[in-house]
Amino acid sequence: MKLRLALIVLLLANAGYFLWARGDLVGFGLAPASLNEREPQRMARQIKPEWVQVRKDVKAGAPAP
């Protein structure tokens, strides 16, 4: 009986978190912070993020340029 109750509580908690994260609970005053509001200090510390480039991995046997 205790295990069944724990399972129900966990399922309800997961469903609540899912709805909250999607923003479905905004009508109740429960909304997650947007990405820019979560860590503004990190956004302010970025130095020229447009310079970042994604490159393919170099094979292990090839010398680095």
PDB file of N, CA and C in Angstrom:
ATOM      1  N   MET A   1       0.820  -1.197   0.000  1.00  0.00           N
ATOM      2  CA  MET A   1       0.000   0.000   0.000  1.00  0.00           C
ATOM      3  C   MET A   1       0.863   1.260   0.000  1.00  0.00           C
ATOM      4  N   LYS A   2       1.956   1.246   0.768  1.00  0.00           N
ATOM      5  CA  LYS A   2       2.852   2.405   0.821  1.00  0.00           C
ATOM      6  C   LYS A   2       3.549   2.614  -0.517  1.00  0.00           C
ATOM      7  N   LEU A   3       3.912   1.519  -1.174  1.00  0.00           N
ATOM      8  CA  LEU A   3       4.584   1.614  -2.461  1.00  0.00           C
ATOM      9  C   LEU A   3       3.650   2.199  -3.516  1.00  0.00           C
ATOM     10  N   ARG A   4       2.404   1.793  -3.484  1.00  0.00           N
ATOM     11  CA  ARG A   4       1.421   2.322  -4.432  1.00  0.00           C
ATOM     12  C   ARG A   4       1.212   3.823  -4.212  1.00  0.00           C
ATOM     13  N   LEU A   5       1.142   4.239  -2.962  1.00  0.00           N
ATOM     14  CA  LEU A   5       0.983   5.662  -2.651  1.00  0.00           C
ATOM     15  C   LEU A   5       2.212   6.458  -3.116  1.00  0.00           C
ATOM     16  N   ALA A   6       3.398   5.913  -2.896  1.00  0.00           N
ATOM     17  CA  ALA A   6       4.621   6.583  -3.338  1.00  0.00           C
ATOM     18  C   ALA A   6       4.648   6.705  -4.858  1.00  0.00           C
ATOM     19  N   LEU A   7       4.214   5.678  -5.560  1.00  0.00           N
ATOM     20  CA  LEU A   7       4.175   5.715  -7.012  1.00  0.00           C
ATOM     21  C   LEU A   7       3.201   6.782  -7.511  1.00  0.00           C
ATOM     22  N   ILE A   8       2.049   6.878  -6.906  1.00  0.00           N
ATOM     23  CA  ILE A   8       1.059   7.882  -7.300  1.00  0.00           C
ATOM     24  C   ILE A   8       1.583   9.293  -7.045  1.00  0.00           C
ATOM     25  N   VAL A   9       2.224   9.487  -5.901  1.00  0.00           N
ATOM     26  CA  VAL A   9       2.781  10.802  -5.582  1.00  0.00           C
ATOM     27  C   VAL A   9       3.863  11.181  -6.590  1.00  0.00           C
ATOM     28  N   LEU A  10       4.743  10.249  -6.942  1.00  0.00           N
ATOM     29  CA  LEU A  10       5.791  10.532  -7.914  1.00  0.00           C
ATOM     30  C   LEU A  10       5.223  10.820  -9.300  1.00  0.00           C
ATOM     31  N   LEU A  11       4.204  10.083  -9.708  1.00  0.00           N
ATOM     32  CA  LEU A  11       3.580  10.341 -11.004  1.00  0.00           C
ATOM     33  C   LEU A  11       2.930  11.722 -11.039  1.00  0.00           C
ATOM     34  N   LEU A  12       2.262  12.104  -9.964  1.00  0.00           N
ATOM     35  CA  LEU A  12       1.646  13.434  -9.906  1.00  0.00           C
ATOM     36  C   LEU A  12       2.706  14.535  -9.896  1.00  0.00           C
ATOM     37  N   ALA A  13       3.807  14.309  -9.205  1.00  0.00           N
ATOM     38  CA  ALA A  13       4.880  15.295  -9.181  1.00  0.00           C
ATOM     39  C   ALA A  13       5.502  15.450 -10.571  1.00  0.00           C
ATOM     40  N   ASN A  14       5.716  14.346 -11.267  1.00  0.00           N
ATOM     41  CA  ASN A  14       6.266  14.412 -12.620  1.00  0.00           C
ATOM     42  C   ASN A  14       5.316  15.113 -13.572  1.00  0.00           C
ATOM     43  N   ALA A  15       4.037  14.819 -13.475  1.00  0.00           N
ATOM     44  CA  ALA A  15       3.050  15.480 -14.336  1.00  0.00           C
ATOM     45  C   ALA A  15       2.999  16.977 -14.034  1.00  0.00           C
ATOM     46  N   GLY A  16       3.059  17.350 -12.768  1.00  0.00           N
ATOM     47  CA  GLY A  16       3.058  18.759 -12.397  1.00  0.00           C
ATOM     48  C   GLY A  16       4.283  19.481 -12.918  1.00  0.00           C
ATOM     49  N   TYR A  17       5.440  18.844 -12.809  1.00  0.00           N
ATOM     50  CA  TYR A  17       6.667  19.469 -13.318  1.00  0.00           C
ATOM     51  C   TYR A  17       6.611  19.617 -14.833  1.00  0.00           C
ATOM     52  N   PHE A  18       6.091  18.610 -15.520  1.00  0.00           N
ATOM     53  CA  PHE A  18       5.972  18.666 -16.974  1.00  0.00           C
ATOM     54  C   PHE A  18       5.077  19.826 -17.399  1.00  0.00           C
ATOM     55  N   LEU A  19       3.940  19.975 -16.752  1.00  0.00           N
ATOM     56  CA  LEU A  19       3.026  21.066 -17.086  1.00  0.00           C
ATOM     57  C   LEU A  19       3.646  22.424 -16.760  1.00  0.00           C
ATOM     58  N   TRP A  20       4.341  22.516 -15.641  1.00  0.00           N
ATOM     59  CA  TRP A  20       4.987  23.771 -15.249  1.00  0.00           C
ATOM     60  C   TRP A  20       6.080  24.159 -16.246  1.00  0.00           C
ATOM     61  N   ALA A  21       6.922  23.187 -16.645  1.00  0.00           N
ATOM     62  CA  ALA A  21       8.033  23.464 -17.547  1.00  0.00           C
ATOM     63  C   ALA A  21       7.547  23.884 -18.925  1.00  0.00           C
ATOM     64  N   ARG A  22       6.408  23.346 -19.372  1.00  0.00           N
ATOM     65  CA  ARG A  22       5.851  23.732 -20.675  1.00  0.00           C
ATOM     66  C   ARG A  22       5.162  25.077 -20.628  1.00  0.00           C
ATOM     67  N   GLY A  23       4.852  25.560 -19.434  1.00  0.00           N
ATOM     68  CA  GLY A  23       4.186  26.851 -19.292  1.00  0.00           C
ATOM     69  C   GLY A  23       2.680  26.745 -19.267  1.00  0.00           C
ATOM     70  N   ASP A  24       2.148  25.554 -19.056  1.00  0.00           N
ATOM     71  CA  ASP A  24       0.700  25.356 -19.022  1.00  0.00           C
ATOM     72  C   ASP A  24       0.056  25.864 -17.737  1.00  0.00           C
ATOM     73  N   LEU A  25       0.842  26.157 -16.723  1.00  0.00           N
ATOM     74  CA  LEU A  25       0.293  26.600 -15.442  1.00  0.00           C
ATOM     75  C   LEU A  25       0.392  28.113 -15.265  1.00  0.00           C
ATOM     76  N   VAL A  26       0.591  28.853 -16.362  1.00  0.00           N
ATOM     77  CA  VAL A  26       0.719  30.305 -16.290  1.00  0.00           C
ATOM     78  C   VAL A  26      -0.571  30.927 -15.774  1.00  0.00           C
ATOM     79  N   GLY A  27      -1.699  30.355 -16.113  1.00  0.00           N
ATOM     80  CA  GLY A  27      -2.984  30.869 -15.654  1.00  0.00           C
ATOM     81  C   GLY A  27      -3.132  30.843 -14.140  1.00  0.00           C
ATOM     82  N   PHE A  28      -2.382  29.977 -13.485  1.00  0.00           N
ATOM     83  CA  PHE A  28      -2.419  29.888 -12.028  1.00  0.00           C
ATOM     84  C   PHE A  28      -1.313  30.715 -11.381  1.00  0.00           C
ATOM     85  N   GLY A  29      -0.560  31.443 -12.178  1.00  0.00           N
ATOM     86  CA  GLY A  29       0.531  32.258 -11.652  1.00  0.00           C
ATOM     87  C   GLY A  29       1.826  31.495 -11.478  1.00  0.00           C
ATOM     88  N   LEU A  30       1.908  30.325 -12.067  1.00  0.00           N
ATOM     89  CA  LEU A  30       3.117  29.506 -11.956  1.00  0.00           C
ATOM     90  C   LEU A  30       3.757  29.403 -13.328  1.00  0.00           C
ATOM     91  N   ALA A  31       4.859  30.097 -13.518  1.00  0.00           N
ATOM     92  CA  ALA A  31       5.545  30.056 -14.807  1.00  0.00           C
ATOM     93  C   ALA A  31       7.050  29.999 -14.574  1.00  0.00           C
ATOM     94  N   PRO A  32       7.756  29.185 -15.348  1.00  0.00           N
ATOM     95  CA  PRO A  32       9.213  29.149 -15.218  1.00  0.00           C
ATOM     96  C   PRO A  32       9.833  30.423 -15.763  1.00  0.00           C
ATOM     97  N   ALA A  33      11.002  30.761 -15.267  1.00  0.00           N
ATOM     98  CA  ALA A  33      11.711  31.947 -15.756  1.00  0.00           C
ATOM     99  C   ALA A  33      12.196  31.668 -17.172  1.00  0.00           C
ATOM    100  N   SER A  34      12.243  32.701 -17.981  1.00  0.00           N
ATOM    101  CA  SER A  34      12.753  32.514 -19.335  1.00  0.00           C
ATOM    102  C   SER A  34      14.262  32.313 -19.265  1.00  0.00           C
ATOM    103  N   LEU A  35      14.854  31.913 -20.371  1.00  0.00           N
ATOM    104  CA  LEU A  35      16.277  31.592 -20.389  1.00  0.00           C
ATOM    105  C   LEU A  35      17.130  32.799 -20.016  1.00  0.00           C
ATOM    106  N   ASN A  36      16.764  33.987 -20.457  1.00  0.00           N
ATOM    107  CA  ASN A  36      17.550  35.178 -20.153  1.00  0.00           C
ATOM    108  C   ASN A  36      17.439  35.599 -18.693  1.00  0.00           C
ATOM    109  N   GLU A  37      16.366  35.226 -18.025  1.00  0.00           N
ATOM    110  CA  GLU A  37      16.178  35.614 -16.632  1.00  0.00           C
ATOM    111  C   GLU A  37      16.840  34.650 -15.661  1.00  0.00           C
ATOM    112  N   ARG A  38      17.207  33.476 -16.108  1.00  0.00           N
ATOM    113  CA  ARG A  38      17.745  32.467 -15.201  1.00  0.00           C
ATOM    114  C   ARG A  38      19.143  32.802 -14.724  1.00  0.00           C
ATOM    115  N   GLU A  39      20.029  33.156 -15.636  1.00  0.00           N
ATOM    116  CA  GLU A  39      21.412  33.428 -15.263  1.00  0.00           C
ATOM    117  C   GLU A  39      21.912  34.666 -15.997  1.00  0.00           C
ATOM    118  N   PRO A  40      21.444  35.834 -15.619  1.00  0.00           N
ATOM    119  CA  PRO A  40      21.862  37.038 -16.344  1.00  0.00           C
ATOM    120  C   PRO A  40      23.352  37.332 -16.202  1.00  0.00           C
ATOM    121  N   GLN A  41      23.979  36.902 -15.107  1.00  0.00           N
ATOM    122  CA  GLN A  41      25.402  37.169 -14.931  1.00  0.00           C
ATOM    123  C   GLN A  41      26.226  36.409 -15.971  1.00  0.00           C
ATOM    124  N   ARG A  42      25.806  35.227 -16.382  1.00  0.00           N
ATOM    125  CA  ARG A  42      26.527  34.495 -17.415  1.00  0.00           C
ATOM    126  C   ARG A  42      26.369  35.174 -18.762  1.00  0.00           C
ATOM    127  N   MET A  43      25.184  35.664 -19.045  1.00  0.00           N
ATOM    128  CA  MET A  43      24.961  36.358 -20.309  1.00  0.00           C
ATOM    129  C   MET A  43      25.817  37.619 -20.376  1.00  0.00           C
ATOM    130  N   ALA A  44      25.999  38.297 -19.255  1.00  0.00           N
ATOM    131  CA  ALA A  44      26.776  39.529 -19.231  1.00  0.00           C
ATOM    132  C   ALA A  44      28.277  39.251 -19.362  1.00  0.00           C
ATOM    133  N   ARG A  45      28.742  38.071 -18.943  1.00  0.00           N
ATOM    134  CA  ARG A  45      30.173  37.764 -18.975  1.00  0.00           C
ATOM    135  C   ARG A  45      30.653  37.232 -20.318  1.00  0.00           C
ATOM    136  N   GLN A  46      29.762  36.961 -21.249  1.00  0.00           N
ATOM    137  CA  GLN A  46      30.185  36.424 -22.534  1.00  0.00           C
ATOM    138  C   GLN A  46      30.971  37.470 -23.314  1.00  0.00           C
ATOM    139  N   ILE A  47      32.068  37.026 -23.884  1.00  0.00           N
ATOM    140  CA  ILE A  47      32.915  37.913 -24.677  1.00  0.00           C
ATOM    141  C   ILE A  47      32.873  37.438 -26.125  1.00  0.00           C
ATOM    142  N   LYS A  48      32.252  38.218 -26.976  1.00  0.00           N
ATOM    143  CA  LYS A  48      32.150  37.958 -28.417  1.00  0.00           C
ATOM    144  C   LYS A  48      31.699  36.523 -28.723  1.00  0.00           C
ATOM    145  N   PRO A  49      30.495  36.133 -28.327  1.00  0.00           N
ATOM    146  CA  PRO A  49      30.025  34.762 -28.577  1.00  0.00           C
ATOM    147  C   PRO A  49      29.862  34.447 -30.055  1.00  0.00           C
ATOM    148  N   GLU A  50      29.773  35.462 -30.915  1.00  0.00           N
ATOM    149  CA  GLU A  50      29.623  35.206 -32.343  1.00  0.00           C
ATOM    150  C   GLU A  50      30.904  34.652 -32.960  1.00  0.00           C
ATOM    151  N   TRP A  51      32.019  34.715 -32.258  1.00  0.00           N
ATOM    152  CA  TRP A  51      33.281  34.190 -32.766  1.00  0.00           C
ATOM    153  C   TRP A  51      33.385  32.672 -32.614  1.00  0.00           C
ATOM    154  N   VAL A  52      32.517  32.071 -31.835  1.00  0.00           N
ATOM    155  CA  VAL A  52      32.582  30.632 -31.584  1.00  0.00           C
ATOM    156  C   VAL A  52      32.222  29.884 -32.867  1.00  0.00           C
ATOM    157  N   GLN A  53      33.055  28.890 -33.212  1.00  0.00           N
ATOM    158  CA  GLN A  53      32.821  28.071 -34.397  1.00  0.00           C
ATOM    159  C   GLN A  53      32.848  26.603 -33.998  1.00  0.00           C
ATOM    160  N   VAL A  54      31.981  25.817 -34.610  1.00  0.00           N
ATOM    161  CA  VAL A  54      31.945  24.383 -34.365  1.00  0.00           C
ATOM    162  C   VAL A  54      32.782  23.719 -35.439  1.00  0.00           C
ATOM    163  N   ARG A  55      33.739  22.914 -35.032  1.00  0.00           N
ATOM    164  CA  ARG A  55      34.625  22.231 -35.969  1.00  0.00           C
ATOM    165  C   ARG A  55      34.499  20.726 -35.803  1.00  0.00           C
ATOM    166  N   LYS A  56      34.793  20.007 -36.863  1.00  0.00           N
ATOM    167  CA  LYS A  56      34.786  18.545 -36.799  1.00  0.00           C
ATOM    168  C   LYS A  56      36.019  18.072 -36.050  1.00  0.00           C
ATOM    169  N   ASP A  57      35.925  16.898 -35.422  1.00  0.00           N
ATOM    170  CA  ASP A  57      37.063  16.329 -34.701  1.00  0.00           C
ATOM    171  C   ASP A  57      38.157  15.908 -35.673  1.00  0.00           C
ATOM    172  N   VAL A  58      39.394  16.129 -35.259  1.00  0.00           N
ATOM    173  CA  VAL A  58      40.542  15.691 -36.040  1.00  0.00           C
ATOM    174  C   VAL A  58      40.835  14.243 -35.638  1.00  0.00           C
ATOM    175  N   LYS A  59      41.152  13.393 -36.602  1.00  0.00           N
ATOM    176  CA  LYS A  59      41.457  11.999 -36.290  1.00  0.00           C
ATOM    177  C   LYS A  59      42.682  11.916 -35.401  1.00  0.00           C
ATOM    178  N   ALA A  60      42.770  10.859 -34.610  1.00  0.00           N
ATOM    179  CA  ALA A  60      43.845  10.720 -33.616  1.00  0.00           C
ATOM    180  C   ALA A  60      45.211  10.618 -34.268  1.00  0.00           C
ATOM    181  N   GLY A  61      45.318  10.010 -35.460  1.00  0.00           N
ATOM    182  CA  GLY A  61      46.614   9.810 -36.103  1.00  0.00           C
ATOM    183  C   GLY A  61      47.114  11.060 -36.819  1.00  0.00           C
ATOM    184  N   ALA A  62      46.246  11.992 -37.124  1.00  0.00           N
ATOM    185  CA  ALA A  62      46.642  13.178 -37.887  1.00  0.00           C
ATOM    186  C   ALA A  62      47.258  14.213 -36.963  1.00  0.00           C
ATOM    187  N   PRO A  63      48.318  14.883 -37.441  1.00  0.00           N
ATOM    188  CA  PRO A  63      48.919  15.941 -36.602  1.00  0.00           C
ATOM    189  C   PRO A  63      48.028  17.173 -36.564  1.00  0.00           C
ATOM    190  N   ALA A  64      48.068  17.859 -35.483  1.00  0.00           N
ATOM    191  CA  ALA A  64      47.264  19.091 -35.336  1.00  0.00           C
ATOM    192  C   ALA A  64      47.911  20.204 -36.135  1.00  0.00           C
ATOM    193  N   PRO A  65      47.123  21.048 -36.795  1.00  0.00           N
ATOM    194  CA  PRO A  65      47.704  22.143 -37.583  1.00  0.00           C
ATOM    195  C   PRO A  65      48.309  23.225 -36.708  1.00  0.00           C
TER     196      PRO A  65
END
